[in-house]
C-alpha atoms as a PDB file:
ATOM      1  CA  UNK A   1     164.739 -38.905 -40.622  1.00  0.00           C
ATOM      2  CA  UNK A   2     165.337 -35.477 -42.311  1.00  0.00           C
ATOM      3  CA  UNK A   3     166.618 -33.989 -38.826  1.00  0.00           C
ATOM      4  CA  UNK A   4     169.443 -37.390 -39.062  1.00  0.00           C
ATOM      5  CA  UNK A   5     170.639 -36.663 -42.514  1.00  0.00           C
ATOM      6  CA  UNK A   6     170.775 -32.541 -41.866  1.00  0.00           C
ATOM      7  CA  UNK A   7     173.291 -33.746 -39.122  1.00  0.00           C
ATOM      8  CA  UNK A   8     175.479 -36.257 -40.848  1.00  0.00           C
ATOM      9  CA  UNK A   9     175.770 -32.955 -43.723  1.00  0.00           C
ATOM     10  CA  UNK A  10     177.038 -30.841 -40.981  1.00  0.00           C
ATOM     11  CA  UNK A  11     179.202 -33.740 -39.358  1.00  0.00           C
ATOM     12  CA  UNK A  12     180.916 -35.213 -42.095  1.00  0.00           C
ATOM     13  CA  UNK A  13     181.442 -31.551 -43.647  1.00  0.00           C
ATOM     14  CA  UNK A  14     183.313 -30.477 -40.298  1.00  0.00           C
ATOM     15  CA  UNK A  15     185.475 -33.729 -40.695  1.00  0.00           C
ATOM     16  CA  UNK A  16     186.065 -33.261 -44.035  1.00  0.00           C
ATOM     17  CA  UNK A  17     186.976 -29.206 -43.752  1.00  0.00           C
ATOM     18  CA  UNK A  18     189.084 -30.229 -40.795  1.00  0.00           C
ATOM     19  CA  UNK A  19     191.368 -32.982 -42.781  1.00  0.00           C
ATOM     20  CA  UNK A  20     191.589 -31.105 -46.178  1.00  0.00           C
ATOM     21  CA  UNK A  21     190.570 -27.869 -46.008  1.00  0.00           C
ATOM     22  CA  UNK A  22     187.475 -26.054 -46.613  1.00  0.00           C
ATOM     23  CA  UNK A  23     188.531 -24.662 -49.453  1.00  0.00           C
ATOM     24  CA  UNK A  24     189.872 -27.630 -51.167  1.00  0.00           C
ATOM     25  CA  UNK A  25     185.618 -29.316 -50.102  1.00  0.00           C
ATOM     26  CA  UNK A  26     182.642 -29.216 -52.292  1.00  0.00           C
ATOM     27  CA  UNK A  27     179.152 -29.979 -52.090  1.00  0.00           C
ATOM     28  CA  UNK A  28     179.758 -32.688 -54.346  1.00  0.00           C
ATOM     29  CA  UNK A  29     182.618 -33.998 -52.624  1.00  0.00           C
ATOM     30  CA  UNK A  30     180.323 -33.789 -49.503  1.00  0.00           C
ATOM     31  CA  UNK A  31     177.310 -35.399 -51.454  1.00  0.00           C
ATOM     32  CA  UNK A  32     179.448 -38.654 -52.296  1.00  0.00           C
ATOM     33  CA  UNK A  33     181.422 -38.863 -49.183  1.00  0.00           C
ATOM     34  CA  UNK A  34     177.042 -39.337 -47.782  1.00  0.00           C
ATOM     35  CA  UNK A  35     176.116 -41.290 -50.679  1.00  0.00           C
ATOM     36  CA  UNK A  36     173.423 -39.564 -50.922  1.00  0.00           C
ATOM     37  CA  UNK A  37     172.989 -36.834 -54.279  1.00  0.00           C
ATOM     38  CA  UNK A  38     173.719 -33.547 -54.041  1.00  0.00           C
ATOM     39  CA  UNK A  39     169.874 -32.701 -54.283  1.00  0.00           C
ATOM     40  CA  UNK A  40     169.384 -34.557 -51.095  1.00  0.00           C
ATOM     41  CA  UNK A  41     171.994 -32.120 -49.855  1.00  0.00           C
ATOM     42  CA  UNK A  42     170.529 -28.991 -51.045  1.00  0.00           C
ATOM     43  CA  UNK A  43     167.664 -29.853 -49.527  1.00  0.00           C
ATOM     44  CA  UNK A  44     168.870 -29.144 -46.050  1.00  0.00           C
ATOM     45  CA  UNK A  45     171.697 -26.814 -46.954  1.00  0.00           C
ATOM     46  CA  UNK A  46     171.162 -23.743 -49.586  1.00  0.00           C
ATOM     47  CA  UNK A  47     175.377 -23.897 -51.060  1.00  0.00           C
ATOM     48  CA  UNK A  48     178.431 -24.844 -49.134  1.00  0.00           C
ATOM     49  CA  UNK A  49     178.697 -21.279 -47.301  1.00  0.00           C
ATOM     50  CA  UNK A  50     175.736 -22.521 -45.602  1.00  0.00           C
ATOM     51  CA  UNK A  51     176.733 -25.406 -44.237  1.00  0.00           C
ATOM     52  CA  UNK A  52     180.032 -23.471 -43.204  1.00  0.00           C
ATOM     53  CA  UNK A  53     177.145 -20.777 -41.379  1.00  0.00           C
ATOM     54  CA  UNK A  54     175.705 -23.625 -39.636  1.00  0.00           C
ATOM     55  CA  UNK A  55     179.142 -25.071 -38.361  1.00  0.00           C
ATOM     56  CA  UNK A  56     179.961 -21.172 -36.761  1.00  0.00           C
ATOM     57  CA  UNK A  57     177.321 -21.357 -35.066  1.00  0.00           C
ATOM     58  CA  UNK A  58     178.013 -24.547 -33.500  1.00  0.00           C
ATOM     59  CA  UNK A  59     181.590 -23.148 -32.403  1.00  0.00           C
ATOM     60  CA  UNK A  60     180.119 -19.924 -31.397  1.00  0.00           C
ATOM     61  CA  UNK A  61     177.893 -21.404 -28.727  1.00  0.00           C
ATOM     62  CA  UNK A  62     180.953 -23.776 -27.884  1.00  0.00           C
ATOM     63  CA  UNK A  63     182.843 -21.320 -27.955  1.00  0.00           C
ATOM     64  CA  UNK A  64     180.974 -19.206 -25.328  1.00  0.00           C
ATOM     65  CA  UNK A  65     180.587 -21.882 -23.183  1.00  0.00           C
ATOM     66  CA  UNK A  66     183.992 -21.901 -22.778  1.00  0.00           C
ATOM     67  CA  UNK A  67     184.643 -18.486 -21.795  1.00  0.00           C
ATOM     68  CA  UNK A  68     182.625 -18.547 -18.941  1.00  0.00           C
ATOM     69  CA  UNK A  69     183.951 -17.013 -15.780  1.00  0.00           C
ATOM     70  CA  UNK A  70     183.571 -18.333 -12.373  1.00  0.00           C
ATOM     71  CA  UNK A  71     180.525 -16.064 -10.866  1.00  0.00           C
ATOM     72  CA  UNK A  72     180.983 -16.376  -7.407  1.00  0.00           C
ATOM     73  CA  UNK A  73     184.219 -15.691  -6.533  1.00  0.00           C
ATOM     74  CA  UNK A  74     187.190 -14.479  -7.895  1.00  0.00           C
ATOM     75  CA  UNK A  75     189.246 -16.250 -10.688  1.00  0.00           C
ATOM     76  CA  UNK A  76     192.467 -17.973  -9.458  1.00  0.00           C
ATOM     77  CA  UNK A  77     195.169 -20.053 -11.757  1.00  0.00           C
ATOM     78  CA  UNK A  78     193.165 -23.383 -12.145  1.00  0.00           C
ATOM     79  CA  UNK A  79     190.258 -21.308 -13.961  1.00  0.00           C
ATOM     80  CA  UNK A  80     193.200 -19.701 -16.344  1.00  0.00           C
ATOM     81  CA  UNK A  81     194.015 -23.717 -17.226  1.00  0.00           C
ATOM     82  CA  UNK A  82     190.488 -25.250 -17.332  1.00  0.00           C
ATOM     83  CA  UNK A  83     189.445 -22.021 -19.727  1.00  0.00           C
ATOM     84  CA  UNK A  84     192.400 -22.323 -21.835  1.00  0.00           C
ATOM     85  CA  UNK A  85     191.877 -25.904 -22.426  1.00  0.00           C
ATOM     86  CA  UNK A  86     188.084 -26.125 -22.910  1.00  0.00           C
ATOM     87  CA  UNK A  87     189.181 -22.792 -25.985  1.00  0.00           C
ATOM     88  CA  UNK A  88     191.824 -24.537 -27.146  1.00  0.00           C
ATOM     89  CA  UNK A  89     189.295 -27.772 -27.506  1.00  0.00           C
ATOM     90  CA  UNK A  90     186.745 -26.013 -29.108  1.00  0.00           C
ATOM     91  CA  UNK A  91     189.668 -24.401 -31.525  1.00  0.00           C
ATOM     92  CA  UNK A  92     190.471 -27.610 -32.410  1.00  0.00           C
ATOM     93  CA  UNK A  93     187.304 -29.861 -33.088  1.00  0.00           C
ATOM     94  CA  UNK A  94     186.625 -26.236 -35.553  1.00  0.00           C
ATOM     95  CA  UNK A  95     190.408 -26.242 -36.431  1.00  0.00           C
ATOM     96  CA  UNK A  96     189.090 -25.345 -39.943  1.00  0.00           C
ATOM     97  CA  UNK A  97     187.814 -22.103 -39.496  1.00  0.00           C
ATOM     98  CA  UNK A  98     191.002 -21.046 -38.016  1.00  0.00           C
ATOM     99  CA  UNK A  99     193.189 -22.517 -40.533  1.00  0.00           C
ATOM    100  CA  UNK A 100     191.514 -20.896 -43.767  1.00  0.00           C
ATOM    101  CA  UNK A 101     190.163 -17.481 -41.511  1.00  0.00           C
ATOM    102  CA  UNK A 102     190.934 -14.948 -43.701  1.00  0.00           C
ATOM    103  CA  UNK A 103     189.375 -17.042 -46.878  1.00  0.00           C
ATOM    104  CA  UNK A 104     186.321 -18.005 -45.073  1.00  0.00           C
ATOM    105  CA  UNK A 105     185.927 -14.074 -43.605  1.00  0.00           C
ATOM    106  CA  UNK A 106     186.652 -12.475 -46.578  1.00  0.00           C
ATOM    107  CA  UNK A 107     183.382 -14.691 -48.327  1.00  0.00           C
ATOM    108  CA  UNK A 108     181.300 -13.194 -45.620  1.00  0.00           C
ATOM    109  CA  UNK A 109     180.703  -9.909 -44.459  1.00  0.00           C
ATOM    110  CA  UNK A 110     178.114 -11.995 -41.541  1.00  0.00           C
ATOM    111  CA  UNK A 111     180.981 -14.056 -40.821  1.00  0.00           C
ATOM    112  CA  UNK A 112     183.470 -11.763 -40.198  1.00  0.00           C
ATOM    113  CA  UNK A 113     181.495  -9.837 -38.173  1.00  0.00           C
ATOM    114  CA  UNK A 114     180.522 -12.471 -36.078  1.00  0.00           C
ATOM    115  CA  UNK A 115     183.827 -13.732 -35.149  1.00  0.00           C
ATOM    116  CA  UNK A 116     185.106 -10.148 -34.712  1.00  0.00           C
ATOM    117  CA  UNK A 117     182.556 -10.393 -31.719  1.00  0.00           C
ATOM    118  CA  UNK A 118     183.819 -13.546 -30.421  1.00  0.00           C
ATOM    119  CA  UNK A 119     187.162 -11.690 -30.539  1.00  0.00           C
ATOM    120  CA  UNK A 120     185.603  -9.506 -28.410  1.00  0.00           C
ATOM    121  CA  UNK A 121     184.055 -11.657 -26.108  1.00  0.00           C
ATOM    122  CA  UNK A 122     187.232 -13.601 -25.386  1.00  0.00           C
ATOM    123  CA  UNK A 123     188.835 -10.381 -24.908  1.00  0.00           C
ATOM    124  CA  UNK A 124     186.379  -9.641 -21.837  1.00  0.00           C
ATOM    125  CA  UNK A 125     186.469 -12.705 -19.915  1.00  0.00           C
ATOM    126  CA  UNK A 126     190.362 -12.437 -20.066  1.00  0.00           C
ATOM    127  CA  UNK A 127     190.143  -9.580 -19.102  1.00  0.00           C
ATOM    128  CA  UNK A 128     188.057 -10.459 -15.898  1.00  0.00           C
ATOM    129  CA  UNK A 129     190.099 -13.539 -15.696  1.00  0.00           C
ATOM    130  CA  UNK A 130     193.454 -10.810 -15.428  1.00  0.00           C
ATOM    131  CA  UNK A 131     191.614  -8.427 -13.120  1.00  0.00           C
ATOM    132  CA  UNK A 132     190.115 -10.998 -11.004  1.00  0.00           C
ATOM    133  CA  UNK A 133     193.933 -11.876 -10.371  1.00  0.00           C
ATOM    134  CA  UNK A 134     195.088  -8.556  -9.689  1.00  0.00           C
ATOM    135  CA  UNK A 135     192.419  -7.811  -7.046  1.00  0.00           C
ATOM    136  CA  UNK A 136     193.257 -11.113  -5.297  1.00  0.00           C
ATOM    137  CA  UNK A 137     196.831  -9.767  -5.713  1.00  0.00           C
ATOM    138  CA  UNK A 138     198.123 -13.193  -7.890  1.00  0.00           C
ATOM    139  CA  UNK A 139     199.057 -10.786  -9.691  1.00  0.00           C
ATOM    140  CA  UNK A 140     201.098  -7.415 -10.221  1.00  0.00           C
ATOM    141  CA  UNK A 141     200.167  -5.655 -13.766  1.00  0.00           C
ATOM    142  CA  UNK A 142     198.772  -2.255 -14.314  1.00  0.00           C
ATOM    143  CA  UNK A 143     195.718  -1.362 -16.204  1.00  0.00           C
ATOM    144  CA  UNK A 144     198.062  -0.780 -19.690  1.00  0.00           C
ATOM    145  CA  UNK A 145     199.805  -4.385 -19.480  1.00  0.00           C
ATOM    146  CA  UNK A 146     196.988  -6.354 -18.662  1.00  0.00           C
ATOM    147  CA  UNK A 147     195.057  -4.652 -21.894  1.00  0.00           C
ATOM    148  CA  UNK A 148     198.882  -5.877 -23.794  1.00  0.00           C
ATOM    149  CA  UNK A 149     198.539  -9.240 -22.210  1.00  0.00           C
ATOM    150  CA  UNK A 150     194.653  -9.766 -23.043  1.00  0.00           C
ATOM    151  CA  UNK A 151     195.824  -8.436 -26.957  1.00  0.00           C
ATOM    152  CA  UNK A 152     198.929 -10.874 -26.829  1.00  0.00           C
ATOM    153  CA  UNK A 153     196.624 -13.795 -25.660  1.00  0.00           C
ATOM    154  CA  UNK A 154     194.132 -13.407 -28.326  1.00  0.00           C
ATOM    155  CA  UNK A 155     197.014 -13.115 -30.941  1.00  0.00           C
ATOM    156  CA  UNK A 156     198.800 -16.313 -29.511  1.00  0.00           C
ATOM    157  CA  UNK A 157     195.627 -18.315 -29.502  1.00  0.00           C
ATOM    158  CA  UNK A 158     193.776 -17.280 -32.964  1.00  0.00           C
ATOM    159  CA  UNK A 159     196.984 -17.688 -35.311  1.00  0.00           C
ATOM    160  CA  UNK A 160     198.372 -21.039 -33.205  1.00  0.00           C
ATOM    161  CA  UNK A 161     197.413 -23.378 -34.679  1.00  0.00           C
ATOM    162  CA  UNK A 162     198.663 -22.285 -38.020  1.00  0.00           C
ATOM    163  CA  UNK A 163     201.925 -20.612 -36.680  1.00  0.00           C
ATOM    164  CA  UNK A 164     202.282 -24.521 -35.768  1.00  0.00           C
ATOM    165  CA  UNK A 165     201.159 -26.054 -38.427  1.00  0.00           C
ATOM    166  CA  UNK A 166     204.140 -23.828 -40.672  1.00  0.00           C
ATOM    167  CA  UNK A 167     206.969 -23.912 -38.506  1.00  0.00           C
ATOM    168  CA  UNK A 168     206.137 -28.199 -37.563  1.00  0.00           C
ATOM    169  CA  UNK A 169     204.278 -29.206 -40.370  1.00  0.00           C
ATOM    170  CA  UNK A 170     200.791 -30.131 -40.322  1.00  0.00           C
ATOM    171  CA  UNK A 171     199.706 -32.203 -37.636  1.00  0.00           C
ATOM    172  CA  UNK A 172     196.479 -34.611 -36.305  1.00  0.00           C
ATOM    173  CA  UNK A 173     197.704 -35.213 -33.034  1.00  0.00           C
ATOM    174  CA  UNK A 174     195.283 -32.756 -31.012  1.00  0.00           C
ATOM    175  CA  UNK A 175     197.307 -33.202 -27.317  1.00  0.00           C
ATOM    176  CA  UNK A 176     200.680 -31.781 -29.064  1.00  0.00           C
ATOM    177  CA  UNK A 177     198.873 -28.613 -30.701  1.00  0.00           C
ATOM    178  CA  UNK A 178     196.647 -27.953 -28.103  1.00  0.00           C
ATOM    179  CA  UNK A 179     199.544 -28.431 -25.112  1.00  0.00           C
ATOM    180  CA  UNK A 180     202.008 -26.215 -27.597  1.00  0.00           C
ATOM    181  CA  UNK A 181     199.416 -23.525 -27.743  1.00  0.00           C
ATOM    182  CA  UNK A 182     198.398 -23.261 -23.775  1.00  0.00           C
ATOM    183  CA  UNK A 183     201.948 -22.756 -22.745  1.00  0.00           C
ATOM    184  CA  UNK A 184     202.375 -20.805 -24.818  1.00  0.00           C
ATOM    185  CA  UNK A 185     199.551 -18.360 -23.361  1.00  0.00           C
ATOM    186  CA  UNK A 186     200.293 -19.775 -19.665  1.00  0.00           C
ATOM    187  CA  UNK A 187     203.492 -18.804 -19.884  1.00  0.00           C
ATOM    188  CA  UNK A 188     202.534 -15.140 -20.716  1.00  0.00           C
ATOM    189  CA  UNK A 189     201.441 -14.597 -17.519  1.00  0.00           C
ATOM    190  CA  UNK A 190     204.651 -15.936 -15.372  1.00  0.00           C
ATOM    191  CA  UNK A 191     205.996 -12.715 -14.955  1.00  0.00           C
ATOM    192  CA  UNK A 192     203.345 -11.076 -13.471  1.00  0.00           C
ATOM    193  CA  UNK A 193     202.572 -13.397 -10.723  1.00  0.00           C
ATOM    194  CA  UNK A 194     203.864 -13.599  -6.908  1.00  0.00           C
ATOM    195  CA  UNK A 195     206.658 -15.664  -6.344  1.00  0.00           C
ATOM    196  CA  UNK A 196     204.833 -18.987  -5.539  1.00  0.00           C
ATOM    197  CA  UNK A 197     201.603 -18.357  -8.076  1.00  0.00           C
ATOM    198  CA  UNK A 198     204.875 -18.333 -10.535  1.00  0.00           C
ATOM    199  CA  UNK A 199     206.415 -21.609  -9.377  1.00  0.00           C
ATOM    200  CA  UNK A 200     202.511 -22.991  -9.848  1.00  0.00           C
ATOM    201  CA  UNK A 201     201.686 -21.730 -12.686  1.00  0.00           C
ATOM    202  CA  UNK A 202     204.824 -23.528 -14.067  1.00  0.00           C
ATOM    203  CA  UNK A 203     204.061 -26.232 -12.947  1.00  0.00           C
ATOM    204  CA  UNK A 204     200.332 -26.426 -14.523  1.00  0.00           C
ATOM    205  CA  UNK A 205     202.169 -25.552 -18.054  1.00  0.00           C
ATOM    206  CA  UNK A 206     204.720 -27.853 -17.768  1.00  0.00           C
ATOM    207  CA  UNK A 207     202.058 -30.367 -18.377  1.00  0.00           C
ATOM    208  CA  UNK A 208     201.485 -28.923 -21.756  1.00  0.00           C
ATOM    209  CA  UNK A 209     205.449 -28.238 -22.739  1.00  0.00           C
ATOM    210  CA  UNK A 210     206.294 -30.074 -26.095  1.00  0.00           C
END
């Protein structure tokens, strides 16, 4: 029963943070939504920051899973598509972290350091994929170009949800927001690809153009 209550608190908090913005939700709001007393909530979590930290741990694990690159072979464009899809899905499911990123990280040095490590792991994964594409001849890029490409991928992915919300207005339509972000990242690769792979990339990316 205690485990189920703890899960309900985390699930409800995540939904409320995503819908209303983490700074606008208090532990009393969460308790009211669940129909439990604040004391019951504090039995499971010390405060709201404790809830955020537990949700971040789940986000971190999911992002690590999404960033897994093929181990037994060199990557191809289909791997790029799959990895982007998994990463952007994770970002969407924990979108409160990205939409309130500066505020959340300013409050917690521990989460700031952990998010930096997420960025570092994301960069390492993207770098392995890019070098793999260069190794197979699918992509032509110098080491410096790969580094710039990795940096731009991280930049667009990290701030995409805020950018898209400002430009188009807040939306709860995951396919549209995710699709536009995936499209922008995938097209960063296009100038570095051979003609045949560039056509293939555009075919893959066209499904996400919104």
